[in-house]
């Protein structure tokens, strides 16, 4: 069974940092472009950051504050989030790009003002 498991979320004050991890099991994702997505209460799920073999991309709202990276040996994708803002509060998910049927439980990030 293929699973993507997100971790690393938590409660942090505005201006703080968190590092999210997404670990794959059941298959290797090294040949896939991967992405982080988030869904805030009452809002649609949105793209946050993506990584393929040689390039990264970011939503304008997180550009300059978030960094996506991957460790193919560990089958893990990371999202380093710095200078967090209250509007970053959401459940964060990882998935392939284009997205596949791999949505997990996500990890909650709450940023207090």
PDB file of N, CA and C in Angstrom:
ATOM      1  N   UNK A   1       0.847  -1.185   0.000  1.00  0.00           N
ATOM      2  CA  UNK A   1       0.000   0.000   0.000  1.00  0.00           C
ATOM      3  C   UNK A   1       0.885   1.239   0.000  1.00  0.00           C
ATOM      4  N   UNK A   2       0.569   2.171  -0.895  1.00  0.00           N
ATOM      5  CA  UNK A   2       1.351   3.393  -1.005  1.00  0.00           C
ATOM      6  C   UNK A   2       0.817   4.402  -0.002  1.00  0.00           C
ATOM      7  N   UNK A   3       1.738   4.996   0.754  1.00  0.00           N
ATOM      8  CA  UNK A   3       1.338   6.003   1.729  1.00  0.00           C
ATOM      9  C   UNK A   3       2.320   7.161   1.730  1.00  0.00           C
ATOM     10  N   UNK A   4       1.769   8.363   1.912  1.00  0.00           N
ATOM     11  CA  UNK A   4       2.569   9.547   2.183  1.00  0.00           C
ATOM     12  C   UNK A   4       2.171  10.029   3.570  1.00  0.00           C
ATOM     13  N   UNK A   5       3.155  10.140   4.450  1.00  0.00           N
ATOM     14  CA  UNK A   5       2.878  10.518   5.831  1.00  0.00           C
ATOM     15  C   UNK A   5       3.582  11.826   6.142  1.00  0.00           C
ATOM     16  N   UNK A   6       2.766  12.822   6.496  1.00  0.00           N
ATOM     17  CA  UNK A   6       3.298  14.141   6.829  1.00  0.00           C
ATOM     18  C   UNK A   6       3.506  14.258   8.339  1.00  0.00           C
ATOM     19  N   UNK A   7       4.528  15.005   8.722  1.00  0.00           N
ATOM     20  CA  UNK A   7       4.796  15.240  10.153  1.00  0.00           C
ATOM     21  C   UNK A   7       5.530  16.557  10.322  1.00  0.00           C
ATOM     22  N   UNK A   8       5.638  16.994  11.568  1.00  0.00           N
ATOM     23  CA  UNK A   8       6.417  18.192  11.870  1.00  0.00           C
ATOM     24  C   UNK A   8       5.606  19.432  12.167  1.00  0.00           C
ATOM     25  N   UNK A   9       4.293  19.347  12.036  1.00  0.00           N
ATOM     26  CA  UNK A   9       3.470  20.511  12.317  1.00  0.00           C
ATOM     27  C   UNK A   9       3.423  20.817  13.803  1.00  0.00           C
ATOM     28  N   UNK A  10       2.778  21.927  14.132  1.00  0.00           N
ATOM     29  CA  UNK A  10       2.658  22.305  15.527  1.00  0.00           C
ATOM     30  C   UNK A  10       2.156  23.712  15.676  1.00  0.00           C
ATOM     31  N   UNK A  11       2.238  24.203  16.900  1.00  0.00           N
ATOM     32  CA  UNK A  11       1.821  25.568  17.215  1.00  0.00           C
ATOM     33  C   UNK A  11       3.070  26.425  17.364  1.00  0.00           C
ATOM     34  N   UNK A  12       3.091  27.550  16.684  1.00  0.00           N
ATOM     35  CA  UNK A  12       4.255  28.425  16.715  1.00  0.00           C
ATOM     36  C   UNK A  12       3.787  29.871  16.679  1.00  0.00           C
ATOM     37  N   UNK A  13       4.575  30.748  17.259  1.00  0.00           N
ATOM     38  CA  UNK A  13       4.243  32.163  17.207  1.00  0.00           C
ATOM     39  C   UNK A  13       4.634  32.761  15.864  1.00  0.00           C
ATOM     40  N   UNK A  14       3.981  33.833  15.502  1.00  0.00           N
ATOM     41  CA  UNK A  14       4.322  34.539  14.270  1.00  0.00           C
ATOM     42  C   UNK A  14       5.809  34.892  14.286  1.00  0.00           C
ATOM     43  N   UNK A  15       6.459  34.679  13.134  1.00  0.00           N
ATOM     44  CA  UNK A  15       7.891  34.904  13.033  1.00  0.00           C
ATOM     45  C   UNK A  15       8.715  33.666  13.294  1.00  0.00           C
ATOM     46  N   UNK A  16       8.087  32.620  13.785  1.00  0.00           N
ATOM     47  CA  UNK A  16       8.783  31.381  14.086  1.00  0.00           C
ATOM     48  C   UNK A  16       8.982  30.496  12.870  1.00  0.00           C
ATOM     49  N   UNK A  17       9.539  29.314  13.121  1.00  0.00           N
ATOM     50  CA  UNK A  17       9.867  28.385  12.033  1.00  0.00           C
ATOM     51  C   UNK A  17       9.401  26.973  12.379  1.00  0.00           C
ATOM     52  N   UNK A  18       9.120  26.227  11.344  1.00  0.00           N
ATOM     53  CA  UNK A  18       8.813  24.798  11.446  1.00  0.00           C
ATOM     54  C   UNK A  18       9.407  24.097  10.232  1.00  0.00           C
ATOM     55  N   UNK A  19       9.711  22.817  10.408  1.00  0.00           N
ATOM     56  CA  UNK A  19      10.165  21.995   9.286  1.00  0.00           C
ATOM     57  C   UNK A  19       9.248  20.790   9.169  1.00  0.00           C
ATOM     58  N   UNK A  20       8.556  20.714   8.043  1.00  0.00           N
ATOM     59  CA  UNK A  20       7.659  19.603   7.783  1.00  0.00           C
ATOM     60  C   UNK A  20       8.385  18.513   7.007  1.00  0.00           C
ATOM     61  N   UNK A  21       7.985  17.270   7.251  1.00  0.00           N
ATOM     62  CA  UNK A  21       8.527  16.129   6.530  1.00  0.00           C
ATOM     63  C   UNK A  21       7.391  15.331   5.906  1.00  0.00           C
ATOM     64  N   UNK A  22       7.672  14.749   4.766  1.00  0.00           N
ATOM     65  CA  UNK A  22       6.716  13.878   4.080  1.00  0.00           C
ATOM     66  C   UNK A  22       7.480  12.629   3.661  1.00  0.00           C
ATOM     67  N   UNK A  23       7.153  11.514   4.280  1.00  0.00           N
ATOM     68  CA  UNK A  23       7.867  10.279   4.004  1.00  0.00           C
ATOM     69  C   UNK A  23       6.955   9.302   3.274  1.00  0.00           C
ATOM     70  N   UNK A  24       7.478   8.737   2.203  1.00  0.00           N
ATOM     71  CA  UNK A  24       6.715   7.805   1.387  1.00  0.00           C
ATOM     72  C   UNK A  24       7.041   6.372   1.755  1.00  0.00           C
ATOM     73  N   UNK A  25       6.050   5.551   1.722  1.00  0.00           N
ATOM     74  CA  UNK A  25       6.252   4.121   1.928  1.00  0.00           C
ATOM     75  C   UNK A  25       5.431   3.361   0.891  1.00  0.00           C
ATOM     76  N   UNK A  26       5.878   2.179   0.576  1.00  0.00           N
ATOM     77  CA  UNK A  26       5.144   1.352  -0.366  1.00  0.00           C
ATOM     78  C   UNK A  26       5.666   1.447  -1.782  1.00  0.00           C
ATOM     79  N   UNK A  27       6.349   2.554  -2.085  1.00  0.00           N
ATOM     80  CA  UNK A  27       6.995   2.702  -3.388  1.00  0.00           C
ATOM     81  C   UNK A  27       7.978   3.829  -3.282  1.00  0.00           C
ATOM     82  N   UNK A  28       8.855   3.937  -4.247  1.00  0.00           N
ATOM     83  CA  UNK A  28       9.788   5.049  -4.270  1.00  0.00           C
ATOM     84  C   UNK A  28       9.207   6.180  -5.105  1.00  0.00           C
ATOM     85  N   UNK A  29       9.373   7.400  -4.599  1.00  0.00           N
ATOM     86  CA  UNK A  29       8.872   8.564  -5.301  1.00  0.00           C
ATOM     87  C   UNK A  29       9.989   9.378  -5.922  1.00  0.00           C
ATOM     88  N   UNK A  30      11.184   8.799  -6.024  1.00  0.00           N
ATOM     89  CA  UNK A  30      12.313   9.571  -6.511  1.00  0.00           C
ATOM     90  C   UNK A  30      12.139  10.009  -7.953  1.00  0.00           C
ATOM     91  N   UNK A  31      11.301   9.315  -8.694  1.00  0.00           N
ATOM     92  CA  UNK A  31      11.091   9.669 -10.099  1.00  0.00           C
ATOM     93  C   UNK A  31       9.893  10.595 -10.305  1.00  0.00           C
ATOM     94  N   UNK A  32       9.314  11.051  -9.201  1.00  0.00           N
ATOM     95  CA  UNK A  32       8.132  11.900  -9.280  1.00  0.00           C
ATOM     96  C   UNK A  32       8.468  13.333  -8.854  1.00  0.00           C
ATOM     97  N   UNK A  33       7.850  14.297  -9.530  1.00  0.00           N
ATOM     98  CA  UNK A  33       7.813  15.643  -8.991  1.00  0.00           C
ATOM     99  C   UNK A  33       6.872  15.615  -7.788  1.00  0.00           C
ATOM    100  N   UNK A  34       7.252  16.340  -6.743  1.00  0.00           N
ATOM    101  CA  UNK A  34       6.473  16.328  -5.503  1.00  0.00           C
ATOM    102  C   UNK A  34       6.066  17.739  -5.118  1.00  0.00           C
ATOM    103  N   UNK A  35       5.044  17.834  -4.313  1.00  0.00           N
ATOM    104  CA  UNK A  35       4.595  19.159  -3.904  1.00  0.00           C
ATOM    105  C   UNK A  35       4.015  19.161  -2.506  1.00  0.00           C
ATOM    106  N   UNK A  36       4.005  20.340  -1.912  1.00  0.00           N
ATOM    107  CA  UNK A  36       3.301  20.586  -0.662  1.00  0.00           C
ATOM    108  C   UNK A  36       2.068  21.432  -0.953  1.00  0.00           C
ATOM    109  N   UNK A  37       1.003  21.127  -0.261  1.00  0.00           N
ATOM    110  CA  UNK A  37      -0.265  21.813  -0.414  1.00  0.00           C
ATOM    111  C   UNK A  37      -0.803  22.106   0.977  1.00  0.00           C
ATOM    112  N   UNK A  38      -1.754  23.028   1.063  1.00  0.00           N
ATOM    113  CA  UNK A  38      -2.338  23.324   2.368  1.00  0.00           C
ATOM    114  C   UNK A  38      -3.805  23.667   2.217  1.00  0.00           C
ATOM    115  N   UNK A  39      -4.543  23.447   3.295  1.00  0.00           N
ATOM    116  CA  UNK A  39      -5.964  23.783   3.308  1.00  0.00           C
ATOM    117  C   UNK A  39      -6.292  24.436   4.640  1.00  0.00           C
ATOM    118  N   UNK A  40      -6.706  25.673   4.566  1.00  0.00           N
ATOM    119  CA  UNK A  40      -7.134  26.410   5.748  1.00  0.00           C
ATOM    120  C   UNK A  40      -8.633  26.203   5.952  1.00  0.00           C
ATOM    121  N   UNK A  41      -9.127  26.388   7.167  1.00  0.00           N
ATOM    122  CA  UNK A  41     -10.566  26.193   7.429  1.00  0.00           C
ATOM    123  C   UNK A  41     -11.420  27.041   6.502  1.00  0.00           C
ATOM    124  N   UNK A  42     -12.381  26.403   5.861  1.00  0.00           N
ATOM    125  CA  UNK A  42     -13.309  27.110   4.988  1.00  0.00           C
ATOM    126  C   UNK A  42     -12.745  27.502   3.639  1.00  0.00           C
ATOM    127  N   UNK A  43     -11.533  27.045   3.329  1.00  0.00           N
ATOM    128  CA  UNK A  43     -10.911  27.411   2.047  1.00  0.00           C
ATOM    129  C   UNK A  43     -10.569  26.163   1.235  1.00  0.00           C
ATOM    130  N   UNK A  44     -10.332  26.389  -0.054  1.00  0.00           N
ATOM    131  CA  UNK A  44      -9.917  25.308  -0.926  1.00  0.00           C
ATOM    132  C   UNK A  44      -8.457  24.927  -0.641  1.00  0.00           C
ATOM    133  N   UNK A  45      -8.125  23.681  -0.938  1.00  0.00           N
ATOM    134  CA  UNK A  45      -6.732  23.274  -0.843  1.00  0.00           C
ATOM    135  C   UNK A  45      -5.942  24.024  -1.911  1.00  0.00           C
ATOM    136  N   UNK A  46      -4.744  24.492  -1.541  1.00  0.00           N
ATOM    137  CA  UNK A  46      -3.948  25.273  -2.472  1.00  0.00           C
ATOM    138  C   UNK A  46      -2.510  24.770  -2.528  1.00  0.00           C
ATOM    139  N   UNK A  47      -1.880  25.040  -3.651  1.00  0.00           N
ATOM    140  CA  UNK A  47      -0.486  24.693  -3.860  1.00  0.00           C
ATOM    141  C   UNK A  47       0.399  25.610  -3.026  1.00  0.00           C
ATOM    142  N   UNK A  48       1.453  25.038  -2.430  1.00  0.00           N
ATOM    143  CA  UNK A  48       2.400  25.817  -1.643  1.00  0.00           C
ATOM    144  C   UNK A  48       3.783  25.803  -2.290  1.00  0.00           C
ATOM    145  N   UNK A  49       4.296  24.613  -2.585  1.00  0.00           N
ATOM    146  CA  UNK A  49       5.656  24.500  -3.131  1.00  0.00           C
ATOM    147  C   UNK A  49       5.794  23.185  -3.879  1.00  0.00           C
ATOM    148  N   UNK A  50       6.676  23.191  -4.885  1.00  0.00           N
ATOM    149  CA  UNK A  50       6.892  21.985  -5.666  1.00  0.00           C
ATOM    150  C   UNK A  50       8.364  21.782  -5.963  1.00  0.00           C
ATOM    151  N   UNK A  51       8.733  20.525  -6.201  1.00  0.00           N
ATOM    152  CA  UNK A  51      10.117  20.203  -6.529  1.00  0.00           C
ATOM    153  C   UNK A  51      10.138  19.054  -7.521  1.00  0.00           C
ATOM    154  N   UNK A  52      10.960  19.220  -8.556  1.00  0.00           N
ATOM    155  CA  UNK A  52      11.194  18.089  -9.450  1.00  0.00           C
ATOM    156  C   UNK A  52      12.678  17.747  -9.364  1.00  0.00           C
ATOM    157  N   UNK A  53      13.249  17.293 -10.432  1.00  0.00           N
ATOM    158  CA  UNK A  53      14.622  16.826 -10.333  1.00  0.00           C
ATOM    159  C   UNK A  53      15.631  17.973 -10.278  1.00  0.00           C
ATOM    160  N   UNK A  54      15.245  19.138 -10.764  1.00  0.00           N
ATOM    161  CA  UNK A  54      16.232  20.206 -10.847  1.00  0.00           C
ATOM    162  C   UNK A  54      15.697  21.584 -10.515  1.00  0.00           C
ATOM    163  N   UNK A  55      14.444  21.707 -10.198  1.00  0.00           N
ATOM    164  CA  UNK A  55      13.878  23.030  -9.980  1.00  0.00           C
ATOM    165  C   UNK A  55      12.825  22.998  -8.888  1.00  0.00           C
ATOM    166  N   UNK A  56      12.647  24.169  -8.264  1.00  0.00           N
ATOM    167  CA  UNK A  56      11.600  24.332  -7.268  1.00  0.00           C
ATOM    168  C   UNK A  56      10.675  25.464  -7.688  1.00  0.00           C
ATOM    169  N   UNK A  57       9.481  25.437  -7.160  1.00  0.00           N
ATOM    170  CA  UNK A  57       8.520  26.497  -7.435  1.00  0.00           C
ATOM    171  C   UNK A  57       7.716  26.754  -6.177  1.00  0.00           C
ATOM    172  N   UNK A  58       7.207  27.990  -6.049  1.00  0.00           N
ATOM    173  CA  UNK A  58       6.510  28.391  -4.828  1.00  0.00           C
ATOM    174  C   UNK A  58       5.314  29.268  -5.151  1.00  0.00           C
ATOM    175  N   UNK A  59       4.313  29.171  -4.292  1.00  0.00           N
ATOM    176  CA  UNK A  59       3.218  30.119  -4.357  1.00  0.00           C
ATOM    177  C   UNK A  59       3.763  31.493  -3.964  1.00  0.00           C
ATOM    178  N   UNK A  60       3.202  32.538  -4.541  1.00  0.00           N
ATOM    179  CA  UNK A  60       3.684  33.886  -4.244  1.00  0.00           C
ATOM    180  C   UNK A  60       3.612  34.200  -2.752  1.00  0.00           C
ATOM    181  N   UNK A  61       2.625  33.637  -2.084  1.00  0.00           N
ATOM    182  CA  UNK A  61       2.410  33.959  -0.678  1.00  0.00           C
ATOM    183  C   UNK A  61       3.507  33.421   0.245  1.00  0.00           C
ATOM    184  N   UNK A  62       4.288  32.449  -0.231  1.00  0.00           N
ATOM    185  CA  UNK A  62       5.330  31.864   0.619  1.00  0.00           C
ATOM    186  C   UNK A  62       6.735  32.075   0.067  1.00  0.00           C
ATOM    187  N   UNK A  63       6.817  32.662  -1.102  1.00  0.00           N
ATOM    188  CA  UNK A  63       8.114  32.839  -1.753  1.00  0.00           C
ATOM    189  C   UNK A  63       9.034  33.665  -0.843  1.00  0.00           C
ATOM    190  N   UNK A  64      10.270  33.185  -0.680  1.00  0.00           N
ATOM    191  CA  UNK A  64      11.228  33.879   0.166  1.00  0.00           C
ATOM    192  C   UNK A  64      11.168  33.471   1.628  1.00  0.00           C
ATOM    193  N   UNK A  65      10.129  32.727   2.008  1.00  0.00           N
ATOM    194  CA  UNK A  65       9.994  32.297   3.402  1.00  0.00           C
ATOM    195  C   UNK A  65      10.057  30.776   3.540  1.00  0.00           C
ATOM    196  N   UNK A  66       9.567  30.054   2.554  1.00  0.00           N
ATOM    197  CA  UNK A  66       9.526  28.590   2.589  1.00  0.00           C
ATOM    198  C   UNK A  66      10.541  28.022   1.606  1.00  0.00           C
ATOM    199  N   UNK A  67      11.099  26.858   1.959  1.00  0.00           N
ATOM    200  CA  UNK A  67      12.029  26.158   1.090  1.00  0.00           C
ATOM    201  C   UNK A  67      11.674  24.677   1.041  1.00  0.00           C
ATOM    202  N   UNK A  68      11.475  24.168  -0.166  1.00  0.00           N
ATOM    203  CA  UNK A  68      11.195  22.750  -0.343  1.00  0.00           C
ATOM    204  C   UNK A  68      12.482  22.035  -0.742  1.00  0.00           C
ATOM    205  N   UNK A  69      12.657  20.818  -0.231  1.00  0.00           N
ATOM    206  CA  UNK A  69      13.829  20.016  -0.582  1.00  0.00           C
ATOM    207  C   UNK A  69      13.438  18.541  -0.498  1.00  0.00           C
ATOM    208  N   UNK A  70      14.311  17.692  -0.984  1.00  0.00           N
ATOM    209  CA  UNK A  70      14.016  16.260  -0.945  1.00  0.00           C
ATOM    210  C   UNK A  70      15.285  15.473  -0.689  1.00  0.00           C
ATOM    211  N   UNK A  71      15.127  14.320  -0.053  1.00  0.00           N
ATOM    212  CA  UNK A  71      16.209  13.365   0.152  1.00  0.00           C
ATOM    213  C   UNK A  71      15.721  12.048  -0.435  1.00  0.00           C
ATOM    214  N   UNK A  72      16.137  11.762  -1.664  1.00  0.00           N
ATOM    215  CA  UNK A  72      15.630  10.571  -2.342  1.00  0.00           C
ATOM    216  C   UNK A  72      16.064   9.285  -1.644  1.00  0.00           C
ATOM    217  N   UNK A  73      17.214   9.302  -0.994  1.00  0.00           N
ATOM    218  CA  UNK A  73      17.674   8.111  -0.277  1.00  0.00           C
ATOM    219  C   UNK A  73      16.730   7.767   0.867  1.00  0.00           C
ATOM    220  N   UNK A  74      16.090   8.792   1.435  1.00  0.00           N
ATOM    221  CA  UNK A  74      15.144   8.569   2.528  1.00  0.00           C
ATOM    222  C   UNK A  74      13.700   8.606   2.056  1.00  0.00           C
ATOM    223  N   UNK A  75      13.507   8.784   0.750  1.00  0.00           N
ATOM    224  CA  UNK A  75      12.148   8.852   0.204  1.00  0.00           C
ATOM    225  C   UNK A  75      11.321   9.919   0.937  1.00  0.00           C
ATOM    226  N   UNK A  76      11.956  11.057   1.199  1.00  0.00           N
ATOM    227  CA  UNK A  76      11.351  12.099   2.028  1.00  0.00           C
ATOM    228  C   UNK A  76      11.465  13.463   1.352  1.00  0.00           C
ATOM    229  N   UNK A  77      10.402  14.233   1.470  1.00  0.00           N
ATOM    230  CA  UNK A  77      10.368  15.611   1.006  1.00  0.00           C
ATOM    231  C   UNK A  77      10.165  16.505   2.225  1.00  0.00           C
ATOM    232  N   UNK A  78      10.855  17.631   2.249  1.00  0.00           N
ATOM    233  CA  UNK A  78      10.795  18.541   3.389  1.00  0.00           C
ATOM    234  C   UNK A  78      10.227  19.895   2.973  1.00  0.00           C
ATOM    235  N   UNK A  79       9.692  20.607   3.949  1.00  0.00           N
ATOM    236  CA  UNK A  79       9.281  21.993   3.741  1.00  0.00           C
ATOM    237  C   UNK A  79       9.759  22.790   4.951  1.00  0.00           C
ATOM    238  N   UNK A  80      10.792  23.593   4.739  1.00  0.00           N
ATOM    239  CA  UNK A  80      11.289  24.485   5.783  1.00  0.00           C
ATOM    240  C   UNK A  80      10.485  25.781   5.708  1.00  0.00           C
ATOM    241  N   UNK A  81       9.838  26.128   6.802  1.00  0.00           N
ATOM    242  CA  UNK A  81       8.975  27.301   6.834  1.00  0.00           C
ATOM    243  C   UNK A  81       9.529  28.294   7.847  1.00  0.00           C
ATOM    244  N   UNK A  82       9.935  29.444   7.362  1.00  0.00           N
ATOM    245  CA  UNK A  82      10.485  30.495   8.217  1.00  0.00           C
ATOM    246  C   UNK A  82       9.578  31.719   8.195  1.00  0.00           C
ATOM    247  N   UNK A  83       9.744  32.568   9.188  1.00  0.00           N
ATOM    248  CA  UNK A  83       8.965  33.799   9.278  1.00  0.00           C
ATOM    249  C   UNK A  83       7.464  33.513   9.088  1.00  0.00           C
ATOM    250  N   UNK A  84       6.985  32.558   9.827  1.00  0.00           N
ATOM    251  CA  UNK A  84       5.592  32.147   9.690  1.00  0.00           C
ATOM    252  C   UNK A  84       4.637  33.259  10.075  1.00  0.00           C
ATOM    253  N   UNK A  85       3.495  33.284   9.387  1.00  0.00           N
ATOM    254  CA  UNK A  85       2.466  34.290   9.612  1.00  0.00           C
ATOM    255  C   UNK A  85       1.165  33.598  10.004  1.00  0.00           C
ATOM    256  N   UNK A  86       0.273  34.288  10.692  1.00  0.00           N
ATOM    257  CA  UNK A  86      -1.014  33.677  11.049  1.00  0.00           C
ATOM    258  C   UNK A  86      -1.766  33.130   9.837  1.00  0.00           C
ATOM    259  N   UNK A  87      -1.627  33.758   8.689  1.00  0.00           N
ATOM    260  CA  UNK A  87      -2.318  33.274   7.494  1.00  0.00           C
ATOM    261  C   UNK A  87      -1.724  31.989   6.920  1.00  0.00           C
ATOM    262  N   UNK A  88      -0.611  31.525   7.480  1.00  0.00           N
ATOM    263  CA  UNK A  88      -0.061  30.223   7.099  1.00  0.00           C
ATOM    264  C   UNK A  88      -0.743  29.073   7.845  1.00  0.00           C
ATOM    265  N   UNK A  89      -1.602  29.399   8.792  1.00  0.00           N
ATOM    266  CA  UNK A  89      -2.313  28.372   9.545  1.00  0.00           C
ATOM    267  C   UNK A  89      -3.168  27.523   8.606  1.00  0.00           C
ATOM    268  N   UNK A  90      -2.936  26.216   8.639  1.00  0.00           N
ATOM    269  CA  UNK A  90      -3.634  25.294   7.737  1.00  0.00           C
ATOM    270  C   UNK A  90      -3.178  23.868   8.048  1.00  0.00           C
ATOM    271  N   UNK A  91      -3.858  22.923   7.428  1.00  0.00           N
ATOM    272  CA  UNK A  91      -3.356  21.547   7.399  1.00  0.00           C
ATOM    273  C   UNK A  91      -2.510  21.415   6.140  1.00  0.00           C
ATOM    274  N   UNK A  92      -1.301  20.925   6.303  1.00  0.00           N
ATOM    275  CA  UNK A  92      -0.365  20.803   5.200  1.00  0.00           C
ATOM    276  C   UNK A  92      -0.268  19.347   4.748  1.00  0.00           C
ATOM    277  N   UNK A  93      -0.306  19.171   3.424  1.00  0.00           N
ATOM    278  CA  UNK A  93      -0.260  17.855   2.802  1.00  0.00           C
ATOM    279  C   UNK A  93       0.849  17.811   1.758  1.00  0.00           C
ATOM    280  N   UNK A  94       1.349  16.621   1.499  1.00  0.00           N
ATOM    281  CA  UNK A  94       2.234  16.447   0.349  1.00  0.00           C
ATOM    282  C   UNK A  94       1.563  15.504  -0.637  1.00  0.00           C
ATOM    283  N   UNK A  95       2.012  15.563  -1.859  1.00  0.00           N
ATOM    284  CA  UNK A  95       1.479  14.700  -2.899  1.00  0.00           C
ATOM    285  C   UNK A  95       2.404  14.790  -4.099  1.00  0.00           C
ATOM    286  N   UNK A  96       2.164  13.965  -5.078  1.00  0.00           N
ATOM    287  CA  UNK A  96       2.892  14.065  -6.323  1.00  0.00           C
ATOM    288  C   UNK A  96       2.367  15.268  -7.105  1.00  0.00           C
ATOM    289  N   UNK A  97       3.103  15.655  -8.143  1.00  0.00           N
ATOM    290  CA  UNK A  97       2.637  16.667  -9.061  1.00  0.00           C
ATOM    291  C   UNK A  97       2.731  16.113 -10.476  1.00  0.00           C
ATOM    292  N   UNK A  98       1.659  16.005 -11.223  1.00  0.00           N
ATOM    293  CA  UNK A  98       0.294  16.289 -10.810  1.00  0.00           C
ATOM    294  C   UNK A  98      -0.124  15.409  -9.624  1.00  0.00           C
ATOM    295  N   UNK A  99      -1.129  15.865  -8.898  1.00  0.00           N
ATOM    296  CA  UNK A  99      -1.520  15.125  -7.693  1.00  0.00           C
ATOM    297  C   UNK A  99      -2.097  13.763  -8.054  1.00  0.00           C
ATOM    298  N   UNK A 100      -1.765  12.792  -7.208  1.00  0.00           N
ATOM    299  CA  UNK A 100      -2.294  11.454  -7.363  1.00  0.00           C
ATOM    300  C   UNK A 100      -3.194  11.110  -6.192  1.00  0.00           C
ATOM    301  N   UNK A 101      -3.586   9.867  -6.126  1.00  0.00           N
ATOM    302  CA  UNK A 101      -4.492   9.417  -5.072  1.00  0.00           C
ATOM    303  C   UNK A 101      -3.693   9.054  -3.827  1.00  0.00           C
ATOM    304  N   UNK A 102      -2.892  10.011  -3.360  1.00  0.00           N
ATOM    305  CA  UNK A 102      -1.988   9.757  -2.242  1.00  0.00           C
ATOM    306  C   UNK A 102      -2.229  10.683  -1.054  1.00  0.00           C
ATOM    307  N   UNK A 103      -3.366  11.374  -1.028  1.00  0.00           N
ATOM    308  CA  UNK A 103      -3.598  12.303   0.077  1.00  0.00           C
ATOM    309  C   UNK A 103      -3.581  11.559   1.418  1.00  0.00           C
ATOM    310  N   UNK A 104      -2.777  12.084   2.340  1.00  0.00           N
ATOM    311  CA  UNK A 104      -2.703  11.508   3.678  1.00  0.00           C
ATOM    312  C   UNK A 104      -3.510  12.330   4.659  1.00  0.00           C
ATOM    313  N   UNK A 105      -3.166  12.206   5.928  1.00  0.00           N
ATOM    314  CA  UNK A 105      -3.891  12.914   6.976  1.00  0.00           C
ATOM    315  C   UNK A 105      -3.442  14.363   7.102  1.00  0.00           C
ATOM    316  N   UNK A 106      -2.267  14.649   6.589  1.00  0.00           N
ATOM    317  CA  UNK A 106      -1.741  16.003   6.708  1.00  0.00           C
ATOM    318  C   UNK A 106      -1.176  16.265   8.097  1.00  0.00           C
ATOM    319  N   UNK A 107      -0.590  17.441   8.246  1.00  0.00           N
ATOM    320  CA  UNK A 107      -0.062  17.858   9.549  1.00  0.00           C
ATOM    321  C   UNK A 107      -0.511  19.291   9.807  1.00  0.00           C
ATOM    322  N   UNK A 108      -1.028  19.531  10.999  1.00  0.00           N
ATOM    323  CA  UNK A 108      -1.601  20.835  11.320  1.00  0.00           C
ATOM    324  C   UNK A 108      -0.499  21.830  11.684  1.00  0.00           C
ATOM    325  N   UNK A 109      -0.570  22.988  11.066  1.00  0.00           N
ATOM    326  CA  UNK A 109       0.316  24.108  11.407  1.00  0.00           C
ATOM    327  C   UNK A 109      -0.562  25.250  11.891  1.00  0.00           C
ATOM    328  N   UNK A 110      -0.299  25.716  13.086  1.00  0.00           N
ATOM    329  CA  UNK A 110      -1.052  26.827  13.657  1.00  0.00           C
ATOM    330  C   UNK A 110      -0.069  27.918  14.057  1.00  0.00           C
ATOM    331  N   UNK A 111      -0.294  29.107  13.511  1.00  0.00           N
ATOM    332  CA  UNK A 111       0.579  30.246  13.788  1.00  0.00           C
ATOM    333  C   UNK A 111      -0.219  31.282  14.560  1.00  0.00           C
ATOM    334  N   UNK A 112       0.225  31.573  15.770  1.00  0.00           N
ATOM    335  CA  UNK A 112      -0.475  32.550  16.602  1.00  0.00           C
ATOM    336  C   UNK A 112       0.141  33.934  16.413  1.00  0.00           C
ATOM    337  N   UNK A 113      -0.709  34.937  16.546  1.00  0.00           N
ATOM    338  CA  UNK A 113      -0.234  36.320  16.346  1.00  0.00           C
ATOM    339  C   UNK A 113       0.281  36.912  17.653  1.00  0.00           C
TER     340      UNK A 113
END
